[in-house]
Amino acid sequence: MKKEDPCEMFRFQLQLLLKMEEMKKYPFAKMVIEKELTKSDYIETLELLEKLDAPYKDDCQSGFIHHQSFPLHYAGMLCHKLPIDESLEALECEDIYPDVEEKLMELSKH
């Protein structure tokens, strides 16, 4: 009997897990896996959202309402492996940085 490559076996098992109904609750995590983001890519994406979220909240508290540069900043700094609109929708489903994510979605539709 031929010995299975551990990496191939892991890849097969991961593909089975991704097909489970439960993964529909975690579209961003699923996208990270499917698009083969590295841990570094993932961390950089979350840091990007954090860098946008803090000033967005500060601006809102100060009464500043124009944030047209946010979608451009997000699109320009987002990991090249992630599709812009799909990543925003996936982040929304998982409620990751909901305030800034909602504003990004709103502005990207204009």
PDB file of N, CA and C in Angstrom:
ATOM      1  N   MET A   1       0.839  -1.185   0.000  1.00  0.00           N
ATOM      2  CA  MET A   1       0.000   0.000   0.000  1.00  0.00           C
ATOM      3  C   MET A   1       0.884   1.249   0.000  1.00  0.00           C
ATOM      4  N   LYS A   2       0.533   2.187  -0.849  1.00  0.00           N
ATOM      5  CA  LYS A   2       1.289   3.425  -1.009  1.00  0.00           C
ATOM      6  C   LYS A   2       1.027   4.359   0.173  1.00  0.00           C
ATOM      7  N   LYS A   3       2.095   4.921   0.723  1.00  0.00           N
ATOM      8  CA  LYS A   3       1.966   5.846   1.850  1.00  0.00           C
ATOM      9  C   LYS A   3       1.520   7.221   1.340  1.00  0.00           C
ATOM     10  N   GLU A   4       0.509   7.776   1.988  1.00  0.00           N
ATOM     11  CA  GLU A   4      -0.018   9.085   1.621  1.00  0.00           C
ATOM     12  C   GLU A   4       0.927  10.202   2.055  1.00  0.00           C
ATOM     13  N   ASP A   5       1.044  11.193   1.221  1.00  0.00           N
ATOM     14  CA  ASP A   5       1.791  12.394   1.567  1.00  0.00           C
ATOM     15  C   ASP A   5       0.975  13.143   2.632  1.00  0.00           C
ATOM     16  N   PRO A   6       1.548  13.458   3.785  1.00  0.00           N
ATOM     17  CA  PRO A   6       0.800  14.139   4.852  1.00  0.00           C
ATOM     18  C   PRO A   6       0.196  15.474   4.400  1.00  0.00           C
ATOM     19  N   CYS A   7       0.893  16.189   3.551  1.00  0.00           N
ATOM     20  CA  CYS A   7       0.377  17.470   3.060  1.00  0.00           C
ATOM     21  C   CYS A   7      -0.863  17.267   2.190  1.00  0.00           C
ATOM     22  N   GLU A   8      -0.824  16.275   1.337  1.00  0.00           N
ATOM     23  CA  GLU A   8      -1.976  15.982   0.482  1.00  0.00           C
ATOM     24  C   GLU A   8      -3.176  15.524   1.301  1.00  0.00           C
ATOM     25  N   MET A   9      -2.911  14.720   2.314  1.00  0.00           N
ATOM     26  CA  MET A   9      -3.990  14.257   3.182  1.00  0.00           C
ATOM     27  C   MET A   9      -4.607  15.439   3.926  1.00  0.00           C
ATOM     28  N   PHE A  10      -3.770  16.319   4.439  1.00  0.00           N
ATOM     29  CA  PHE A  10      -4.255  17.508   5.135  1.00  0.00           C
ATOM     30  C   PHE A  10      -5.071  18.388   4.193  1.00  0.00           C
ATOM     31  N   ARG A  11      -4.602  18.576   2.980  1.00  0.00           N
ATOM     32  CA  ARG A  11      -5.311  19.386   1.989  1.00  0.00           C
ATOM     33  C   ARG A  11      -6.691  18.787   1.693  1.00  0.00           C
ATOM     34  N   PHE A  12      -6.766  17.475   1.523  1.00  0.00           N
ATOM     35  CA  PHE A  12      -8.026  16.797   1.281  1.00  0.00           C
ATOM     36  C   PHE A  12      -8.981  16.991   2.460  1.00  0.00           C
ATOM     37  N   GLN A  13      -8.478  16.812   3.669  1.00  0.00           N
ATOM     38  CA  GLN A  13      -9.313  16.957   4.855  1.00  0.00           C
ATOM     39  C   GLN A  13      -9.804  18.397   5.013  1.00  0.00           C
ATOM     40  N   LEU A  14      -8.949  19.337   4.705  1.00  0.00           N
ATOM     41  CA  LEU A  14      -9.331  20.736   4.782  1.00  0.00           C
ATOM     42  C   LEU A  14     -10.429  21.058   3.775  1.00  0.00           C
ATOM     43  N   GLN A  15     -10.315  20.522   2.574  1.00  0.00           N
ATOM     44  CA  GLN A  15     -11.345  20.738   1.557  1.00  0.00           C
ATOM     45  C   GLN A  15     -12.693  20.177   2.022  1.00  0.00           C
ATOM     46  N   LEU A  16     -12.677  19.051   2.683  1.00  0.00           N
ATOM     47  CA  LEU A  16     -13.918  18.487   3.226  1.00  0.00           C
ATOM     48  C   LEU A  16     -14.519  19.406   4.288  1.00  0.00           C
ATOM     49  N   LEU A  17     -13.667  19.928   5.153  1.00  0.00           N
ATOM     50  CA  LEU A  17     -14.139  20.833   6.198  1.00  0.00           C
ATOM     51  C   LEU A  17     -14.742  22.111   5.617  1.00  0.00           C
ATOM     52  N   LEU A  18     -14.134  22.613   4.554  1.00  0.00           N
ATOM     53  CA  LEU A  18     -14.627  23.841   3.939  1.00  0.00           C
ATOM     54  C   LEU A  18     -16.008  23.668   3.316  1.00  0.00           C
ATOM     55  N   LYS A  19     -16.364  22.452   2.987  1.00  0.00           N
ATOM     56  CA  LYS A  19     -17.668  22.182   2.389  1.00  0.00           C
ATOM     57  C   LYS A  19     -18.777  22.035   3.427  1.00  0.00           C
ATOM     58  N   MET A  20     -18.410  21.985   4.684  1.00  0.00           N
ATOM     59  CA  MET A  20     -19.405  21.804   5.740  1.00  0.00           C
ATOM     60  C   MET A  20     -20.297  23.036   5.856  1.00  0.00           C
ATOM     61  N   GLU A  21     -21.513  22.809   6.186  1.00  0.00           N
ATOM     62  CA  GLU A  21     -22.520  23.873   6.351  1.00  0.00           C
ATOM     63  C   GLU A  21     -22.057  24.923   7.360  1.00  0.00           C
ATOM     64  N   GLU A  22     -21.371  24.484   8.385  1.00  0.00           N
ATOM     65  CA  GLU A  22     -20.902  25.382   9.444  1.00  0.00           C
ATOM     66  C   GLU A  22     -20.011  26.501   8.898  1.00  0.00           C
ATOM     67  N   MET A  23     -19.270  26.238   7.831  1.00  0.00           N
ATOM     68  CA  MET A  23     -18.348  27.237   7.289  1.00  0.00           C
ATOM     69  C   MET A  23     -19.086  28.437   6.695  1.00  0.00           C
ATOM     70  N   LYS A  24     -20.374  28.293   6.406  1.00  0.00           N
ATOM     71  CA  LYS A  24     -21.154  29.428   5.894  1.00  0.00           C
ATOM     72  C   LYS A  24     -21.260  30.545   6.928  1.00  0.00           C
ATOM     73  N   LYS A  25     -21.043  30.210   8.184  1.00  0.00           N
ATOM     74  CA  LYS A  25     -21.071  31.216   9.249  1.00  0.00           C
ATOM     75  C   LYS A  25     -19.772  32.010   9.312  1.00  0.00           C
ATOM     76  N   TYR A  26     -18.745  31.516   8.625  1.00  0.00           N
ATOM     77  CA  TYR A  26     -17.421  32.127   8.690  1.00  0.00           C
ATOM     78  C   TYR A  26     -16.858  32.365   7.292  1.00  0.00           C
ATOM     79  N   PRO A  27     -17.520  33.217   6.500  1.00  0.00           N
ATOM     80  CA  PRO A  27     -17.068  33.398   5.117  1.00  0.00           C
ATOM     81  C   PRO A  27     -15.688  34.048   4.987  1.00  0.00           C
ATOM     82  N   PHE A  28     -15.322  34.900   5.932  1.00  0.00           N
ATOM     83  CA  PHE A  28     -14.003  35.513   5.833  1.00  0.00           C
ATOM     84  C   PHE A  28     -12.916  34.486   6.133  1.00  0.00           C
ATOM     85  N   ALA A  29     -13.112  33.690   7.167  1.00  0.00           N
ATOM     86  CA  ALA A  29     -12.142  32.635   7.483  1.00  0.00           C
ATOM     87  C   ALA A  29     -12.030  31.656   6.312  1.00  0.00           C
ATOM     88  N   LYS A  30     -13.158  31.325   5.730  1.00  0.00           N
ATOM     89  CA  LYS A  30     -13.155  30.416   4.574  1.00  0.00           C
ATOM     90  C   LYS A  30     -12.385  31.036   3.409  1.00  0.00           C
ATOM     91  N   MET A  31     -12.598  32.331   3.177  1.00  0.00           N
ATOM     92  CA  MET A  31     -11.900  33.024   2.098  1.00  0.00           C
ATOM     93  C   MET A  31     -10.392  33.039   2.349  1.00  0.00           C
ATOM     94  N   VAL A  32     -10.006  33.258   3.586  1.00  0.00           N
ATOM     95  CA  VAL A  32      -8.586  33.260   3.941  1.00  0.00           C
ATOM     96  C   VAL A  32      -7.950  31.918   3.581  1.00  0.00           C
ATOM     97  N   ILE A  33      -8.661  30.849   3.868  1.00  0.00           N
ATOM     98  CA  ILE A  33      -8.140  29.507   3.572  1.00  0.00           C
ATOM     99  C   ILE A  33      -8.126  29.263   2.067  1.00  0.00           C
ATOM    100  N   GLU A  34      -9.244  29.549   1.408  1.00  0.00           N
ATOM    101  CA  GLU A  34      -9.349  29.277  -0.029  1.00  0.00           C
ATOM    102  C   GLU A  34      -8.374  30.104  -0.860  1.00  0.00           C
ATOM    103  N   LYS A  35      -8.129  31.336  -0.442  1.00  0.00           N
ATOM    104  CA  LYS A  35      -7.214  32.213  -1.185  1.00  0.00           C
ATOM    105  C   LYS A  35      -5.763  32.011  -0.762  1.00  0.00           C
ATOM    106  N   GLU A  36      -5.562  31.073   0.156  1.00  0.00           N
ATOM    107  CA  GLU A  36      -4.232  30.688   0.617  1.00  0.00           C
ATOM    108  C   GLU A  36      -3.426  31.851   1.198  1.00  0.00           C
ATOM    109  N   LEU A  37      -4.094  32.640   2.042  1.00  0.00           N
ATOM    110  CA  LEU A  37      -3.380  33.708   2.724  1.00  0.00           C
ATOM    111  C   LEU A  37      -2.436  33.102   3.752  1.00  0.00           C
ATOM    112  N   THR A  38      -1.310  33.731   3.910  1.00  0.00           N
ATOM    113  CA  THR A  38      -0.382  33.318   4.959  1.00  0.00           C
ATOM    114  C   THR A  38      -0.845  33.953   6.273  1.00  0.00           C
ATOM    115  N   LYS A  39      -0.249  33.519   7.350  1.00  0.00           N
ATOM    116  CA  LYS A  39      -0.558  34.125   8.647  1.00  0.00           C
ATOM    117  C   LYS A  39      -0.245  35.620   8.602  1.00  0.00           C
ATOM    118  N   SER A  40       0.856  35.961   7.954  1.00  0.00           N
ATOM    119  CA  SER A  40       1.258  37.357   7.817  1.00  0.00           C
ATOM    120  C   SER A  40       0.221  38.157   7.016  1.00  0.00           C
ATOM    121  N   ASP A  41      -0.276  37.587   5.915  1.00  0.00           N
ATOM    122  CA  ASP A  41      -1.318  38.247   5.113  1.00  0.00           C
ATOM    123  C   ASP A  41      -2.558  38.513   5.956  1.00  0.00           C
ATOM    124  N   TYR A  42      -2.945  37.517   6.727  1.00  0.00           N
ATOM    125  CA  TYR A  42      -4.134  37.614   7.571  1.00  0.00           C
ATOM    126  C   TYR A  42      -3.965  38.716   8.617  1.00  0.00           C
ATOM    127  N   ILE A  43      -2.816  38.715   9.284  1.00  0.00           N
ATOM    128  CA  ILE A  43      -2.548  39.723  10.315  1.00  0.00           C
ATOM    129  C   ILE A  43      -2.528  41.122   9.699  1.00  0.00           C
ATOM    130  N   GLU A  44      -1.884  41.258   8.550  1.00  0.00           N
ATOM    131  CA  GLU A  44      -1.837  42.560   7.879  1.00  0.00           C
ATOM    132  C   GLU A  44      -3.231  43.051   7.502  1.00  0.00           C
ATOM    133  N   THR A  45      -4.109  42.146   7.108  1.00  0.00           N
ATOM    134  CA  THR A  45      -5.475  42.525   6.758  1.00  0.00           C
ATOM    135  C   THR A  45      -6.212  43.036   7.985  1.00  0.00           C
ATOM    136  N   LEU A  46      -6.085  42.334   9.100  1.00  0.00           N
ATOM    137  CA  LEU A  46      -6.735  42.788  10.330  1.00  0.00           C
ATOM    138  C   LEU A  46      -6.138  44.103  10.822  1.00  0.00           C
ATOM    139  N   GLU A  47      -4.828  44.260  10.671  1.00  0.00           N
ATOM    140  CA  GLU A  47      -4.186  45.518  11.066  1.00  0.00           C
ATOM    141  C   GLU A  47      -4.660  46.676  10.188  1.00  0.00           C
ATOM    142  N   LEU A  48      -4.873  46.412   8.911  1.00  0.00           N
ATOM    143  CA  LEU A  48      -5.405  47.437   8.011  1.00  0.00           C
ATOM    144  C   LEU A  48      -6.775  47.895   8.503  1.00  0.00           C
ATOM    145  N   LEU A  49      -7.617  46.954   8.852  1.00  0.00           N
ATOM    146  CA  LEU A  49      -8.949  47.302   9.352  1.00  0.00           C
ATOM    147  C   LEU A  49      -8.863  48.084  10.656  1.00  0.00           C
ATOM    148  N   GLU A  50      -7.943  47.690  11.514  1.00  0.00           N
ATOM    149  CA  GLU A  50      -7.750  48.409  12.775  1.00  0.00           C
ATOM    150  C   GLU A  50      -7.279  49.842  12.522  1.00  0.00           C
ATOM    151  N   LYS A  51      -6.358  50.001  11.554  1.00  0.00           N
ATOM    152  CA  LYS A  51      -5.844  51.335  11.219  1.00  0.00           C
ATOM    153  C   LYS A  51      -6.932  52.227  10.629  1.00  0.00           C
ATOM    154  N   LEU A  52      -7.913  51.644   9.981  1.00  0.00           N
ATOM    155  CA  LEU A  52      -9.020  52.426   9.446  1.00  0.00           C
ATOM    156  C   LEU A  52     -10.099  52.665  10.495  1.00  0.00           C
ATOM    157  N   ASP A  53     -10.289  51.693  11.368  1.00  0.00           N
ATOM    158  CA  ASP A  53     -11.363  51.755  12.358  1.00  0.00           C
ATOM    159  C   ASP A  53     -11.146  52.857  13.394  1.00  0.00           C
ATOM    160  N   ALA A  54      -9.947  52.956  13.931  1.00  0.00           N
ATOM    161  CA  ALA A  54      -9.679  53.933  14.987  1.00  0.00           C
ATOM    162  C   ALA A  54      -9.912  55.371  14.524  1.00  0.00           C
ATOM    163  N   PRO A  55      -9.309  55.799  13.398  1.00  0.00           N
ATOM    164  CA  PRO A  55      -9.571  57.172  12.968  1.00  0.00           C
ATOM    165  C   PRO A  55     -11.028  57.390  12.543  1.00  0.00           C
ATOM    166  N   TYR A  56     -11.660  56.352  12.016  1.00  0.00           N
ATOM    167  CA  TYR A  56     -13.068  56.479  11.625  1.00  0.00           C
ATOM    168  C   TYR A  56     -13.922  56.797  12.852  1.00  0.00           C
ATOM    169  N   LYS A  57     -13.694  56.068  13.932  1.00  0.00           N
ATOM    170  CA  LYS A  57     -14.457  56.323  15.162  1.00  0.00           C
ATOM    171  C   LYS A  57     -14.147  57.704  15.733  1.00  0.00           C
ATOM    172  N   ASP A  58     -12.876  58.101  15.688  1.00  0.00           N
ATOM    173  CA  ASP A  58     -12.494  59.438  16.159  1.00  0.00           C
ATOM    174  C   ASP A  58     -13.172  60.516  15.318  1.00  0.00           C
ATOM    175  N   ASP A  59     -13.160  60.327  14.003  1.00  0.00           N
ATOM    176  CA  ASP A  59     -13.802  61.284  13.099  1.00  0.00           C
ATOM    177  C   ASP A  59     -15.292  61.400  13.387  1.00  0.00           C
ATOM    178  N   CYS A  60     -15.935  60.291  13.611  1.00  0.00           N
ATOM    179  CA  CYS A  60     -17.378  60.295  13.889  1.00  0.00           C
ATOM    180  C   CYS A  60     -17.676  61.043  15.176  1.00  0.00           C
ATOM    181  N   GLN A  61     -16.848  60.837  16.196  1.00  0.00           N
ATOM    182  CA  GLN A  61     -17.049  61.544  17.458  1.00  0.00           C
ATOM    183  C   GLN A  61     -16.831  63.049  17.291  1.00  0.00           C
ATOM    184  N   SER A  62     -15.964  63.424  16.349  1.00  0.00           N
ATOM    185  CA  SER A  62     -15.680  64.849  16.105  1.00  0.00           C
ATOM    186  C   SER A  62     -16.679  65.477  15.146  1.00  0.00           C
ATOM    187  N   GLY A  63     -17.577  64.670  14.597  1.00  0.00           N
ATOM    188  CA  GLY A  63     -18.587  65.185  13.683  1.00  0.00           C
ATOM    189  C   GLY A  63     -18.171  65.185  12.224  1.00  0.00           C
ATOM    190  N   PHE A  64     -17.015  64.635  11.921  1.00  0.00           N
ATOM    191  CA  PHE A  64     -16.540  64.566  10.542  1.00  0.00           C
ATOM    192  C   PHE A  64     -17.301  63.455   9.821  1.00  0.00           C
ATOM    193  N   ILE A  65     -17.887  63.779   8.681  1.00  0.00           N
ATOM    194  CA  ILE A  65     -18.750  62.793   8.023  1.00  0.00           C
ATOM    195  C   ILE A  65     -18.250  62.347   6.650  1.00  0.00           C
ATOM    196  N   HIS A  66     -17.193  62.943   6.147  1.00  0.00           N
ATOM    197  CA  HIS A  66     -16.698  62.586   4.813  1.00  0.00           C
ATOM    198  C   HIS A  66     -15.504  61.637   4.940  1.00  0.00           C
ATOM    199  N   HIS A  67     -15.674  60.454   4.380  1.00  0.00           N
ATOM    200  CA  HIS A  67     -14.626  59.435   4.461  1.00  0.00           C
ATOM    201  C   HIS A  67     -14.369  58.808   3.096  1.00  0.00           C
ATOM    202  N   GLN A  68     -14.441  59.622   2.052  1.00  0.00           N
ATOM    203  CA  GLN A  68     -14.307  59.103   0.693  1.00  0.00           C
ATOM    204  C   GLN A  68     -12.961  58.432   0.426  1.00  0.00           C
ATOM    205  N   SER A  69     -11.939  58.776   1.171  1.00  0.00           N
ATOM    206  CA  SER A  69     -10.627  58.177   0.936  1.00  0.00           C
ATOM    207  C   SER A  69     -10.503  56.761   1.520  1.00  0.00           C
ATOM    208  N   PHE A  70     -11.405  56.388   2.403  1.00  0.00           N
ATOM    209  CA  PHE A  70     -11.313  55.080   3.053  1.00  0.00           C
ATOM    210  C   PHE A  70     -11.347  53.911   2.070  1.00  0.00           C
ATOM    211  N   PRO A  71     -12.301  53.870   1.130  1.00  0.00           N
ATOM    212  CA  PRO A  71     -12.310  52.721   0.199  1.00  0.00           C
ATOM    213  C   PRO A  71     -11.037  52.626  -0.635  1.00  0.00           C
ATOM    214  N   LEU A  72     -10.501  53.762  -1.039  1.00  0.00           N
ATOM    215  CA  LEU A  72      -9.265  53.765  -1.821  1.00  0.00           C
ATOM    216  C   LEU A  72      -8.105  53.229  -0.979  1.00  0.00           C
ATOM    217  N   HIS A  73      -8.038  53.667   0.260  1.00  0.00           N
ATOM    218  CA  HIS A  73      -6.990  53.188   1.164  1.00  0.00           C
ATOM    219  C   HIS A  73      -7.136  51.680   1.391  1.00  0.00           C
ATOM    220  N   TYR A  74      -8.368  51.236   1.629  1.00  0.00           N
ATOM    221  CA  TYR A  74      -8.622  49.808   1.852  1.00  0.00           C
ATOM    222  C   TYR A  74      -8.225  48.989   0.626  1.00  0.00           C
ATOM    223  N   ALA A  75      -8.685  49.412  -0.531  1.00  0.00           N
ATOM    224  CA  ALA A  75      -8.399  48.677  -1.767  1.00  0.00           C
ATOM    225  C   ALA A  75      -6.903  48.661  -2.070  1.00  0.00           C
ATOM    226  N   GLY A  76      -6.234  49.766  -1.826  1.00  0.00           N
ATOM    227  CA  GLY A  76      -4.812  49.856  -2.125  1.00  0.00           C
ATOM    228  C   GLY A  76      -3.929  49.064  -1.181  1.00  0.00           C
ATOM    229  N   MET A  77      -4.377  48.909   0.051  1.00  0.00           N
ATOM    230  CA  MET A  77      -3.559  48.232   1.062  1.00  0.00           C
ATOM    231  C   MET A  77      -3.994  46.791   1.327  1.00  0.00           C
ATOM    232  N   LEU A  78      -5.138  46.387   0.782  1.00  0.00           N
ATOM    233  CA  LEU A  78      -5.639  45.028   0.997  1.00  0.00           C
ATOM    234  C   LEU A  78      -4.727  44.010   0.320  1.00  0.00           C
ATOM    235  N   CYS A  79      -4.575  42.880   0.947  1.00  0.00           N
ATOM    236  CA  CYS A  79      -3.777  41.797   0.378  1.00  0.00           C
ATOM    237  C   CYS A  79      -4.259  41.505  -1.044  1.00  0.00           C
ATOM    238  N   HIS A  80      -3.326  41.403  -1.971  1.00  0.00           N
ATOM    239  CA  HIS A  80      -3.678  41.226  -3.384  1.00  0.00           C
ATOM    240  C   HIS A  80      -4.427  39.919  -3.660  1.00  0.00           C
ATOM    241  N   LYS A  81      -4.398  38.997  -2.732  1.00  0.00           N
ATOM    242  CA  LYS A  81      -5.083  37.716  -2.914  1.00  0.00           C
ATOM    243  C   LYS A  81      -6.588  37.813  -2.642  1.00  0.00           C
ATOM    244  N   LEU A  82      -6.999  38.896  -1.959  1.00  0.00           N
ATOM    245  CA  LEU A  82      -8.400  39.037  -1.572  1.00  0.00           C
ATOM    246  C   LEU A  82      -9.160  39.950  -2.526  1.00  0.00           C
ATOM    247  N   PRO A  83     -10.327  39.522  -2.979  1.00  0.00           N
ATOM    248  CA  PRO A  83     -11.166  40.402  -3.782  1.00  0.00           C
ATOM    249  C   PRO A  83     -11.808  41.460  -2.876  1.00  0.00           C
ATOM    250  N   ILE A  84     -11.830  42.691  -3.322  1.00  0.00           N
ATOM    251  CA  ILE A  84     -12.255  43.812  -2.480  1.00  0.00           C
ATOM    252  C   ILE A  84     -13.700  43.671  -2.005  1.00  0.00           C
ATOM    253  N   ASP A  85     -14.638  43.591  -2.927  1.00  0.00           N
ATOM    254  CA  ASP A  85     -16.053  43.556  -2.549  1.00  0.00           C
ATOM    255  C   ASP A  85     -16.404  42.288  -1.768  1.00  0.00           C
ATOM    256  N   GLU A  86     -15.907  41.162  -2.211  1.00  0.00           N
ATOM    257  CA  GLU A  86     -16.195  39.897  -1.522  1.00  0.00           C
ATOM    258  C   GLU A  86     -15.624  39.906  -0.107  1.00  0.00           C
ATOM    259  N   SER A  87     -14.458  40.493   0.065  1.00  0.00           N
ATOM    260  CA  SER A  87     -13.870  40.528   1.404  1.00  0.00           C
ATOM    261  C   SER A  87     -14.706  41.407   2.338  1.00  0.00           C
ATOM    262  N   LEU A  88     -15.223  42.505   1.820  1.00  0.00           N
ATOM    263  CA  LEU A  88     -16.082  43.362   2.642  1.00  0.00           C
ATOM    264  C   LEU A  88     -17.352  42.629   3.060  1.00  0.00           C
ATOM    265  N   GLU A  89     -17.959  41.913   2.128  1.00  0.00           N
ATOM    266  CA  GLU A  89     -19.173  41.152   2.444  1.00  0.00           C
ATOM    267  C   GLU A  89     -18.885  40.062   3.472  1.00  0.00           C
ATOM    268  N   ALA A  90     -17.752  39.392   3.321  1.00  0.00           N
ATOM    269  CA  ALA A  90     -17.380  38.334   4.260  1.00  0.00           C
ATOM    270  C   ALA A  90     -17.099  38.910   5.650  1.00  0.00           C
ATOM    271  N   LEU A  91     -16.430  40.052   5.692  1.00  0.00           N
ATOM    272  CA  LEU A  91     -16.161  40.707   6.974  1.00  0.00           C
ATOM    273  C   LEU A  91     -17.467  41.110   7.650  1.00  0.00           C
ATOM    274  N   GLU A  92     -18.414  41.578   6.854  1.00  0.00           N
ATOM    275  CA  GLU A  92     -19.718  41.968   7.399  1.00  0.00           C
ATOM    276  C   GLU A  92     -20.414  40.766   8.043  1.00  0.00           C
ATOM    277  N   CYS A  93     -20.385  39.636   7.368  1.00  0.00           N
ATOM    278  CA  CYS A  93     -21.038  38.432   7.897  1.00  0.00           C
ATOM    279  C   CYS A  93     -20.434  37.978   9.222  1.00  0.00           C
ATOM    280  N   GLU A  94     -19.145  38.178   9.375  1.00  0.00           N
ATOM    281  CA  GLU A  94     -18.469  37.753  10.610  1.00  0.00           C
ATOM    282  C   GLU A  94     -18.406  38.884  11.637  1.00  0.00           C
ATOM    283  N   ASP A  95     -18.925  40.049  11.280  1.00  0.00           N
ATOM    284  CA  ASP A  95     -18.977  41.185  12.204  1.00  0.00           C
ATOM    285  C   ASP A  95     -17.583  41.600  12.679  1.00  0.00           C
ATOM    286  N   ILE A  96     -16.646  41.651  11.740  1.00  0.00           N
ATOM    287  CA  ILE A  96     -15.274  42.058  12.021  1.00  0.00           C
ATOM    288  C   ILE A  96     -15.146  43.546  11.702  1.00  0.00           C
ATOM    289  N   TYR A  97     -14.802  44.342  12.686  1.00  0.00           N
ATOM    290  CA  TYR A  97     -14.730  45.805  12.561  1.00  0.00           C
ATOM    291  C   TYR A  97     -15.985  46.326  11.855  1.00  0.00           C
ATOM    292  N   PRO A  98     -17.154  46.102  12.455  1.00  0.00           N
ATOM    293  CA  PRO A  98     -18.413  46.395  11.768  1.00  0.00           C
ATOM    294  C   PRO A  98     -18.625  47.862  11.400  1.00  0.00           C
ATOM    295  N   ASP A  99     -18.168  48.790  12.226  1.00  0.00           N
ATOM    296  CA  ASP A  99     -18.414  50.199  11.935  1.00  0.00           C
ATOM    297  C   ASP A  99     -17.710  50.648  10.657  1.00  0.00           C
ATOM    298  N   VAL A 100     -16.414  50.426  10.600  1.00  0.00           N
ATOM    299  CA  VAL A 100     -15.654  50.868   9.434  1.00  0.00           C
ATOM    300  C   VAL A 100     -15.996  50.017   8.212  1.00  0.00           C
ATOM    301  N   GLU A 101     -16.272  48.749   8.432  1.00  0.00           N
ATOM    302  CA  GLU A 101     -16.631  47.863   7.318  1.00  0.00           C
ATOM    303  C   GLU A 101     -17.938  48.319   6.674  1.00  0.00           C
ATOM    304  N   GLU A 102     -18.899  48.702   7.500  1.00  0.00           N
ATOM    305  CA  GLU A 102     -20.182  49.178   6.981  1.00  0.00           C
ATOM    306  C   GLU A 102     -19.981  50.457   6.154  1.00  0.00           C
ATOM    307  N   LYS A 103     -19.146  51.348   6.655  1.00  0.00           N
ATOM    308  CA  LYS A 103     -18.868  52.598   5.926  1.00  0.00           C
ATOM    309  C   LYS A 103     -18.141  52.295   4.617  1.00  0.00           C
ATOM    310  N   LEU A 104     -17.198  51.373   4.638  1.00  0.00           N
ATOM    311  CA  LEU A 104     -16.485  50.996   3.412  1.00  0.00           C
ATOM    312  C   LEU A 104     -17.457  50.440   2.371  1.00  0.00           C
ATOM    313  N   MET A 105     -18.378  49.603   2.805  1.00  0.00           N
ATOM    314  CA  MET A 105     -19.353  49.037   1.874  1.00  0.00           C
ATOM    315  C   MET A 105     -20.250  50.137   1.299  1.00  0.00           C
ATOM    316  N   GLU A 106     -20.686  51.027   2.154  1.00  0.00           N
ATOM    317  CA  GLU A 106     -21.546  52.135   1.727  1.00  0.00           C
ATOM    318  C   GLU A 106     -20.834  53.008   0.693  1.00  0.00           C
ATOM    319  N   LEU A 107     -19.588  53.378   0.978  1.00  0.00           N
ATOM    320  CA  LEU A 107     -18.843  54.255   0.079  1.00  0.00           C
ATOM    321  C   LEU A 107     -18.416  53.558  -1.211  1.00  0.00           C
ATOM    322  N   SER A 108     -18.182  52.258  -1.148  1.00  0.00           N
ATOM    323  CA  SER A 108     -17.734  51.553  -2.354  1.00  0.00           C
ATOM    324  C   SER A 108     -18.865  51.362  -3.358  1.00  0.00           C
ATOM    325  N   LYS A 109     -20.108  51.534  -2.922  1.00  0.00           N
ATOM    326  CA  LYS A 109     -21.256  51.399  -3.818  1.00  0.00           C
ATOM    327  C   LYS A 109     -21.546  52.682  -4.584  1.00  0.00           C
ATOM    328  N   HIS A 110     -20.894  53.770  -4.208  1.00  0.00           N
ATOM    329  CA  HIS A 110     -21.132  55.069  -4.881  1.00  0.00           C
ATOM    330  C   HIS A 110     -20.168  55.273  -6.012  1.00  0.00           C
TER     331      HIS A 110
END
